[in-house]
């Protein structure tokens, strides 16, 4: 009877690990933790340097304070349409997911809506004041 060789646990050399394998493991962990996220596929029409994985991480304010975080950002998704058009189902689903995960998501066909919805006028930027004066009709879309 032949003896079987016990296989030693092998460590993988770091130079043999592919980025896609690391990404797969990260996405698996995020999914298990119920963090809404997605893979961003870069292309010629996207700004350079956008991270590979985007998402919204649900964090409690008291946890952030304990960690020394004084200000945070909130994910923002604005679907832009020309007047008279509405989002398709995929676009509506994205907006719903953004809102469901505590981000800011909406669609609009008018800059006036964005300025009001995000409170940009309070930033006292003269451009916003001029746009609001020139815009008579704005419709809020969600």
N, C-alpha and C. Protein backbone atom coordinates (compact mmCIF):
# COMPACT_ATOMS: atom_id res chain seq x y z
N UNK A 1 0.84 -1.18 0.00
CA UNK A 1 0.00 0.00 0.00
C UNK A 1 0.89 1.25 0.00
N UNK A 2 0.56 2.15 -0.87
CA UNK A 2 1.34 3.35 -1.01
C UNK A 2 0.90 4.41 -0.01
N UNK A 3 1.87 5.10 0.57
CA UNK A 3 1.54 6.18 1.49
C UNK A 3 1.28 7.44 0.68
N UNK A 4 0.23 8.14 1.10
CA UNK A 4 -0.08 9.41 0.44
C UNK A 4 0.78 10.51 1.04
N UNK A 5 1.26 11.34 0.18
CA UNK A 5 2.01 12.50 0.67
C UNK A 5 1.03 13.53 1.21
N UNK A 6 1.27 13.95 2.40
CA UNK A 6 0.43 15.01 2.96
C UNK A 6 0.81 16.30 2.26
N UNK A 7 -0.21 16.94 1.73
CA UNK A 7 0.07 18.20 1.06
C UNK A 7 0.25 19.30 2.09
N UNK A 8 1.31 20.04 1.91
CA UNK A 8 1.56 21.17 2.79
C UNK A 8 0.66 22.32 2.35
N UNK A 9 0.19 23.08 3.34
CA UNK A 9 -0.61 24.24 2.95
C UNK A 9 0.35 25.22 2.28
N UNK A 10 -0.05 25.62 1.12
CA UNK A 10 0.82 26.49 0.33
C UNK A 10 0.35 27.93 0.48
N UNK A 11 1.30 28.80 0.62
CA UNK A 11 0.97 30.21 0.59
C UNK A 11 1.21 30.69 -0.82
N UNK A 12 0.28 31.53 -1.27
CA UNK A 12 0.39 32.04 -2.63
C UNK A 12 1.30 33.25 -2.62
N UNK A 13 2.23 33.24 -3.53
CA UNK A 13 3.13 34.39 -3.65
C UNK A 13 2.33 35.62 -4.04
N UNK A 14 2.55 36.74 -3.37
CA UNK A 14 1.80 37.97 -3.68
C UNK A 14 1.89 38.38 -5.15
N UNK A 15 3.00 38.11 -5.80
CA UNK A 15 3.14 38.52 -7.20
C UNK A 15 2.30 37.66 -8.15
N UNK A 16 1.71 36.57 -7.63
CA UNK A 16 0.86 35.71 -8.46
C UNK A 16 -0.64 35.99 -8.25
N UNK A 17 -0.98 36.82 -7.28
CA UNK A 17 -2.38 37.16 -7.03
C UNK A 17 -2.80 38.26 -7.99
N UNK A 18 -3.92 38.04 -8.63
CA UNK A 18 -4.43 39.01 -9.60
C UNK A 18 -5.35 40.02 -8.92
N UNK A 19 -5.38 41.23 -9.47
CA UNK A 19 -6.25 42.28 -8.93
C UNK A 19 -7.72 41.84 -8.94
N UNK A 20 -8.14 41.14 -9.99
CA UNK A 20 -9.54 40.71 -10.07
C UNK A 20 -9.90 39.74 -8.95
N UNK A 21 -8.90 38.93 -8.50
CA UNK A 21 -9.15 38.00 -7.40
C UNK A 21 -9.36 38.75 -6.08
N UNK A 22 -8.55 39.78 -5.87
CA UNK A 22 -8.69 40.61 -4.67
C UNK A 22 -10.04 41.31 -4.71
N UNK A 23 -10.38 41.87 -5.85
CA UNK A 23 -11.65 42.56 -6.02
C UNK A 23 -12.83 41.63 -5.74
N UNK A 24 -12.75 40.41 -6.23
CA UNK A 24 -13.82 39.42 -6.03
C UNK A 24 -14.03 39.15 -4.55
N UNK A 25 -12.95 39.01 -3.82
CA UNK A 25 -13.05 38.77 -2.38
C UNK A 25 -13.63 39.97 -1.64
N UNK A 26 -13.23 41.16 -2.05
CA UNK A 26 -13.76 42.37 -1.42
C UNK A 26 -15.26 42.48 -1.68
N UNK A 27 -15.68 42.24 -2.91
CA UNK A 27 -17.11 42.33 -3.24
C UNK A 27 -17.91 41.27 -2.50
N UNK A 28 -17.32 40.11 -2.32
CA UNK A 28 -17.98 39.04 -1.58
C UNK A 28 -18.20 39.48 -0.12
N UNK A 29 -17.19 40.09 0.48
CA UNK A 29 -17.29 40.56 1.86
C UNK A 29 -18.33 41.67 1.97
N UNK A 30 -18.34 42.59 1.01
CA UNK A 30 -19.33 43.67 1.03
C UNK A 30 -20.74 43.12 0.90
N UNK A 31 -20.91 42.13 0.04
CA UNK A 31 -22.24 41.52 -0.14
C UNK A 31 -22.69 40.84 1.15
N UNK A 32 -21.78 40.12 1.79
CA UNK A 32 -22.12 39.44 3.04
C UNK A 32 -22.53 40.45 4.13
N UNK A 33 -21.91 41.62 4.09
CA UNK A 33 -22.21 42.66 5.07
C UNK A 33 -23.39 43.53 4.62
N UNK A 34 -24.02 43.17 3.52
CA UNK A 34 -25.16 43.88 2.96
C UNK A 34 -24.86 45.35 2.66
N UNK A 35 -23.67 45.58 2.12
CA UNK A 35 -23.28 46.92 1.68
C UNK A 35 -23.58 47.00 0.19
N UNK A 36 -24.47 47.91 -0.18
CA UNK A 36 -24.84 48.07 -1.59
C UNK A 36 -23.65 48.65 -2.34
N UNK A 37 -23.22 47.94 -3.37
CA UNK A 37 -22.03 48.35 -4.12
C UNK A 37 -22.11 47.82 -5.55
N UNK A 38 -21.20 48.26 -6.37
CA UNK A 38 -21.14 47.79 -7.74
C UNK A 38 -19.73 47.99 -8.28
N UNK A 39 -19.45 47.26 -9.32
CA UNK A 39 -18.17 47.36 -10.02
C UNK A 39 -18.28 48.48 -11.03
N UNK A 40 -17.37 49.42 -10.97
CA UNK A 40 -17.34 50.49 -11.96
C UNK A 40 -16.41 50.08 -13.09
N UNK A 41 -16.92 50.08 -14.29
CA UNK A 41 -16.11 49.75 -15.46
C UNK A 41 -15.67 51.05 -16.11
N UNK A 42 -14.40 51.31 -16.05
CA UNK A 42 -13.88 52.54 -16.64
C UNK A 42 -13.93 52.48 -18.16
N UNK A 43 -13.90 53.61 -18.74
CA UNK A 43 -13.90 53.68 -20.19
C UNK A 43 -13.46 55.05 -20.64
N UNK A 44 -13.39 55.24 -21.92
CA UNK A 44 -12.92 56.49 -22.49
C UNK A 44 -13.75 57.71 -22.14
N UNK A 45 -15.01 57.51 -21.75
CA UNK A 45 -15.87 58.65 -21.47
C UNK A 45 -15.97 58.94 -19.98
N UNK A 46 -15.30 58.16 -19.16
CA UNK A 46 -15.34 58.37 -17.71
C UNK A 46 -14.10 59.14 -17.26
N UNK A 47 -14.24 59.90 -16.17
CA UNK A 47 -13.05 60.55 -15.63
C UNK A 47 -12.03 59.51 -15.18
N UNK A 48 -10.78 59.84 -15.29
CA UNK A 48 -9.72 58.91 -14.87
C UNK A 48 -9.66 58.84 -13.36
N UNK A 49 -9.34 57.67 -12.85
CA UNK A 49 -9.10 57.52 -11.43
C UNK A 49 -10.30 57.14 -10.58
N UNK A 50 -11.46 56.89 -11.20
CA UNK A 50 -12.62 56.47 -10.41
C UNK A 50 -12.31 55.10 -9.83
N UNK A 51 -12.60 54.88 -8.53
CA UNK A 51 -12.30 53.58 -7.92
C UNK A 51 -13.03 52.43 -8.61
N UNK A 52 -12.49 51.22 -8.46
CA UNK A 52 -13.07 50.03 -9.09
C UNK A 52 -14.42 49.66 -8.49
N UNK A 53 -14.57 49.85 -7.19
CA UNK A 53 -15.80 49.49 -6.50
C UNK A 53 -16.41 50.76 -5.91
N UNK A 54 -17.66 50.98 -6.21
CA UNK A 54 -18.38 52.11 -5.65
C UNK A 54 -19.55 51.58 -4.85
N UNK A 55 -20.01 52.34 -3.89
CA UNK A 55 -21.15 51.90 -3.11
C UNK A 55 -21.48 52.90 -2.03
N UNK A 56 -22.45 52.51 -1.22
CA UNK A 56 -22.84 53.33 -0.08
C UNK A 56 -22.67 52.47 1.17
N UNK A 57 -21.80 52.93 2.06
CA UNK A 57 -21.54 52.20 3.29
C UNK A 57 -22.42 52.79 4.40
N UNK A 58 -23.29 51.98 5.00
CA UNK A 58 -24.15 52.51 6.06
C UNK A 58 -23.36 52.69 7.35
N UNK A 59 -23.27 53.92 7.81
CA UNK A 59 -22.50 54.20 9.03
C UNK A 59 -23.37 54.98 10.01
N UNK A 60 -23.25 54.66 11.27
CA UNK A 60 -23.97 55.39 12.31
C UNK A 60 -23.16 56.61 12.71
N UNK A 61 -23.86 57.70 12.99
CA UNK A 61 -23.19 58.95 13.33
C UNK A 61 -22.32 58.79 14.57
N UNK A 62 -22.82 58.11 15.59
CA UNK A 62 -22.02 57.96 16.82
C UNK A 62 -20.74 57.17 16.57
N UNK A 63 -20.78 56.20 15.66
CA UNK A 63 -19.57 55.45 15.31
C UNK A 63 -18.56 56.35 14.62
N UNK A 64 -19.04 57.24 13.77
CA UNK A 64 -18.15 58.16 13.07
C UNK A 64 -17.50 59.14 14.03
N UNK A 65 -18.28 59.65 14.99
CA UNK A 65 -17.74 60.58 15.99
C UNK A 65 -16.65 59.89 16.81
N UNK A 66 -16.91 58.66 17.22
CA UNK A 66 -15.91 57.90 17.98
C UNK A 66 -14.62 57.71 17.19
N UNK A 67 -14.76 57.59 15.88
CA UNK A 67 -13.60 57.39 15.02
C UNK A 67 -12.90 58.70 14.68
N UNK A 68 -13.43 59.82 15.18
CA UNK A 68 -12.80 61.11 14.95
C UNK A 68 -13.17 61.76 13.63
N UNK A 69 -14.22 61.26 13.00
CA UNK A 69 -14.66 61.83 11.72
C UNK A 69 -15.56 63.02 12.00
N UNK A 70 -15.21 64.18 11.46
CA UNK A 70 -16.00 65.38 11.72
C UNK A 70 -17.00 65.66 10.61
N UNK A 71 -16.68 65.33 9.39
CA UNK A 71 -17.59 65.54 8.27
C UNK A 71 -17.60 64.30 7.40
N UNK A 72 -18.75 64.05 6.79
CA UNK A 72 -18.85 62.91 5.88
C UNK A 72 -19.49 63.37 4.58
N UNK A 73 -19.34 62.56 3.57
CA UNK A 73 -20.02 62.80 2.30
C UNK A 73 -21.14 61.80 2.15
N UNK A 74 -22.09 62.14 1.32
CA UNK A 74 -23.21 61.26 1.04
C UNK A 74 -23.22 61.00 -0.45
N UNK A 75 -23.44 59.75 -0.83
CA UNK A 75 -23.47 59.41 -2.24
C UNK A 75 -24.59 60.17 -2.93
N UNK A 76 -24.31 60.72 -4.10
CA UNK A 76 -25.27 61.51 -4.85
C UNK A 76 -25.39 60.94 -6.26
N UNK A 77 -26.62 60.69 -6.68
CA UNK A 77 -26.88 60.23 -8.04
C UNK A 77 -28.01 61.04 -8.65
N UNK A 78 -27.72 61.77 -9.70
CA UNK A 78 -28.73 62.58 -10.38
C UNK A 78 -28.86 62.07 -11.80
N UNK A 79 -30.03 61.59 -12.15
CA UNK A 79 -30.30 61.17 -13.52
C UNK A 79 -30.86 62.38 -14.25
N UNK A 80 -30.21 62.77 -15.33
CA UNK A 80 -30.60 63.97 -16.06
C UNK A 80 -31.36 63.56 -17.33
N UNK A 81 -32.49 64.23 -17.54
CA UNK A 81 -33.31 63.99 -18.72
C UNK A 81 -33.59 65.30 -19.42
N UNK A 82 -33.82 65.21 -20.72
CA UNK A 82 -34.26 66.41 -21.40
C UNK A 82 -35.74 66.59 -21.09
N UNK A 83 -36.21 67.82 -21.12
CA UNK A 83 -37.62 68.06 -20.79
C UNK A 83 -38.57 67.16 -21.57
N UNK A 84 -39.52 66.59 -20.85
CA UNK A 84 -40.51 65.71 -21.46
C UNK A 84 -40.15 64.24 -21.41
N UNK A 85 -38.90 63.91 -21.09
CA UNK A 85 -38.50 62.51 -20.98
C UNK A 85 -38.48 62.07 -19.53
N UNK A 86 -38.60 60.78 -19.32
CA UNK A 86 -38.55 60.21 -17.97
C UNK A 86 -37.53 59.08 -17.94
N UNK A 87 -37.06 58.71 -16.76
CA UNK A 87 -36.07 57.62 -16.68
C UNK A 87 -36.66 56.28 -17.09
N UNK A 88 -35.79 55.41 -17.59
CA UNK A 88 -36.24 54.05 -17.88
C UNK A 88 -36.22 53.24 -16.58
N UNK A 89 -36.66 52.01 -16.64
CA UNK A 89 -36.77 51.18 -15.43
C UNK A 89 -35.43 50.99 -14.73
N UNK A 90 -34.36 50.73 -15.49
CA UNK A 90 -33.04 50.55 -14.89
C UNK A 90 -32.61 51.81 -14.14
N UNK A 91 -32.86 52.97 -14.74
CA UNK A 91 -32.48 54.23 -14.11
C UNK A 91 -33.32 54.47 -12.85
N UNK A 92 -34.61 54.15 -12.91
CA UNK A 92 -35.47 54.28 -11.73
C UNK A 92 -34.99 53.35 -10.61
N UNK A 93 -34.60 52.13 -10.98
CA UNK A 93 -34.11 51.17 -9.98
C UNK A 93 -32.85 51.69 -9.30
N UNK A 94 -31.94 52.29 -10.07
CA UNK A 94 -30.72 52.86 -9.47
C UNK A 94 -31.08 53.94 -8.46
N UNK A 95 -31.98 54.83 -8.85
CA UNK A 95 -32.39 55.91 -7.96
C UNK A 95 -33.00 55.32 -6.68
N UNK A 96 -33.86 54.33 -6.82
CA UNK A 96 -34.49 53.70 -5.65
C UNK A 96 -33.43 53.07 -4.74
N UNK A 97 -32.44 52.40 -5.32
CA UNK A 97 -31.38 51.79 -4.52
C UNK A 97 -30.53 52.83 -3.81
N UNK A 98 -30.25 53.93 -4.47
CA UNK A 98 -29.48 55.00 -3.83
C UNK A 98 -30.23 55.51 -2.61
N UNK A 99 -31.51 55.81 -2.78
CA UNK A 99 -32.33 56.34 -1.69
C UNK A 99 -32.48 55.29 -0.58
N UNK A 100 -32.74 54.05 -0.97
CA UNK A 100 -32.90 52.97 0.01
C UNK A 100 -31.66 52.81 0.88
N UNK A 101 -30.51 53.10 0.31
CA UNK A 101 -29.25 52.96 1.04
C UNK A 101 -28.74 54.29 1.59
N UNK A 102 -29.67 55.23 1.79
CA UNK A 102 -29.40 56.49 2.49
C UNK A 102 -28.54 57.47 1.71
N UNK A 103 -28.52 57.33 0.40
CA UNK A 103 -27.87 58.31 -0.44
C UNK A 103 -28.91 59.30 -0.94
N UNK A 104 -28.47 60.23 -1.74
CA UNK A 104 -29.38 61.19 -2.36
C UNK A 104 -29.50 60.81 -3.82
N UNK A 105 -30.70 60.48 -4.24
CA UNK A 105 -30.91 60.08 -5.62
C UNK A 105 -32.22 60.63 -6.15
N UNK A 106 -32.17 61.20 -7.33
CA UNK A 106 -33.38 61.71 -7.97
C UNK A 106 -33.09 61.95 -9.44
N UNK A 107 -34.15 62.23 -10.18
CA UNK A 107 -33.97 62.59 -11.58
C UNK A 107 -34.62 63.93 -11.80
N UNK A 108 -34.15 64.63 -12.82
CA UNK A 108 -34.69 65.95 -13.12
C UNK A 108 -34.44 66.31 -14.57
N UNK A 109 -35.19 67.30 -15.01
CA UNK A 109 -34.96 67.85 -16.34
C UNK A 109 -34.69 69.35 -16.23
N UNK A 110 -34.25 69.77 -15.01
CA UNK A 110 -34.13 71.20 -14.78
C UNK A 110 -33.10 71.49 -13.69
N UNK A 111 -32.15 72.36 -13.94
CA UNK A 111 -31.13 72.71 -12.96
C UNK A 111 -31.74 73.34 -11.71
N UNK A 112 -32.85 74.02 -11.89
CA UNK A 112 -33.55 74.66 -10.78
C UNK A 112 -33.87 73.65 -9.67
N UNK A 113 -34.29 72.47 -10.08
CA UNK A 113 -34.61 71.40 -9.12
C UNK A 113 -33.38 71.00 -8.32
N UNK A 114 -32.25 70.87 -8.99
CA UNK A 114 -31.01 70.47 -8.32
C UNK A 114 -30.59 71.51 -7.29
N UNK A 115 -30.63 72.78 -7.69
CA UNK A 115 -30.23 73.86 -6.78
C UNK A 115 -31.08 73.86 -5.53
N UNK A 116 -32.40 73.74 -5.71
CA UNK A 116 -33.31 73.74 -4.56
C UNK A 116 -33.17 72.46 -3.74
N UNK A 117 -33.15 71.32 -4.42
CA UNK A 117 -33.14 70.02 -3.73
C UNK A 117 -31.89 69.85 -2.86
N UNK A 118 -30.75 70.33 -3.34
CA UNK A 118 -29.50 70.16 -2.60
C UNK A 118 -29.15 71.37 -1.74
N UNK A 119 -30.00 72.37 -1.74
CA UNK A 119 -29.73 73.55 -0.93
C UNK A 119 -28.52 74.33 -1.39
N UNK A 120 -28.27 74.33 -2.68
CA UNK A 120 -27.07 74.98 -3.20
C UNK A 120 -27.13 76.50 -3.11
N UNK A 121 -28.32 77.05 -3.04
CA UNK A 121 -28.45 78.50 -2.95
C UNK A 121 -27.85 79.01 -1.64
N UNK A 122 -27.94 78.20 -0.59
CA UNK A 122 -27.37 78.58 0.70
C UNK A 122 -25.85 78.72 0.63
N UNK A 123 -25.27 78.15 -0.38
CA UNK A 123 -23.82 78.27 -0.55
C UNK A 123 -23.46 79.68 -1.05
N UNK A 124 -24.49 80.47 -1.36
CA UNK A 124 -24.35 81.87 -1.77
C UNK A 124 -23.49 82.06 -3.01
N UNK A 125 -23.56 81.13 -3.90
CA UNK A 125 -22.83 81.26 -5.16
C UNK A 125 -23.67 82.11 -6.11
N UNK A 126 -23.14 83.20 -6.62
CA UNK A 126 -23.91 84.10 -7.49
C UNK A 126 -24.54 83.40 -8.70
N UNK A 127 -23.87 82.40 -9.25
CA UNK A 127 -24.41 81.70 -10.40
C UNK A 127 -25.77 81.09 -10.07
N UNK A 128 -25.89 80.48 -8.89
CA UNK A 128 -27.16 79.86 -8.51
C UNK A 128 -28.27 80.89 -8.41
N UNK A 129 -27.95 82.05 -7.86
CA UNK A 129 -28.96 83.11 -7.74
C UNK A 129 -29.45 83.54 -9.13
N UNK A 130 -28.52 83.70 -10.08
CA UNK A 130 -28.90 84.09 -11.44
C UNK A 130 -29.75 83.02 -12.11
N UNK A 131 -29.37 81.76 -11.94
CA UNK A 131 -30.12 80.67 -12.56
C UNK A 131 -31.53 80.63 -12.00
N UNK A 132 -31.66 80.76 -10.69
CA UNK A 132 -32.99 80.71 -10.09
C UNK A 132 -33.86 81.87 -10.55
N UNK A 133 -33.29 83.02 -10.72
CA UNK A 133 -34.06 84.18 -11.19
C UNK A 133 -34.54 83.95 -12.62
N UNK A 134 -33.72 83.32 -13.43
CA UNK A 134 -34.07 83.08 -14.83
C UNK A 134 -34.99 81.89 -15.03
N UNK A 135 -35.00 80.98 -14.08
CA UNK A 135 -35.82 79.77 -14.20
C UNK A 135 -37.16 79.99 -13.51
N UNK A 136 -38.21 79.88 -14.24
CA UNK A 136 -39.55 80.05 -13.68
C UNK A 136 -40.17 78.72 -13.29
N UNK A 137 -39.96 77.71 -14.09
CA UNK A 137 -40.64 76.44 -13.82
C UNK A 137 -39.63 75.34 -13.56
N UNK A 138 -39.73 74.74 -12.38
CA UNK A 138 -38.87 73.60 -12.06
C UNK A 138 -39.76 72.48 -11.53
N UNK A 139 -39.45 71.27 -11.94
CA UNK A 139 -40.24 70.14 -11.46
C UNK A 139 -39.34 69.20 -10.72
N UNK A 140 -39.74 68.81 -9.54
CA UNK A 140 -38.97 67.89 -8.72
C UNK A 140 -39.29 66.47 -9.16
N UNK A 141 -38.24 65.70 -9.43
CA UNK A 141 -38.43 64.31 -9.86
C UNK A 141 -37.71 63.39 -8.88
N UNK A 142 -38.37 62.33 -8.52
CA UNK A 142 -37.73 61.32 -7.69
C UNK A 142 -37.96 59.97 -8.30
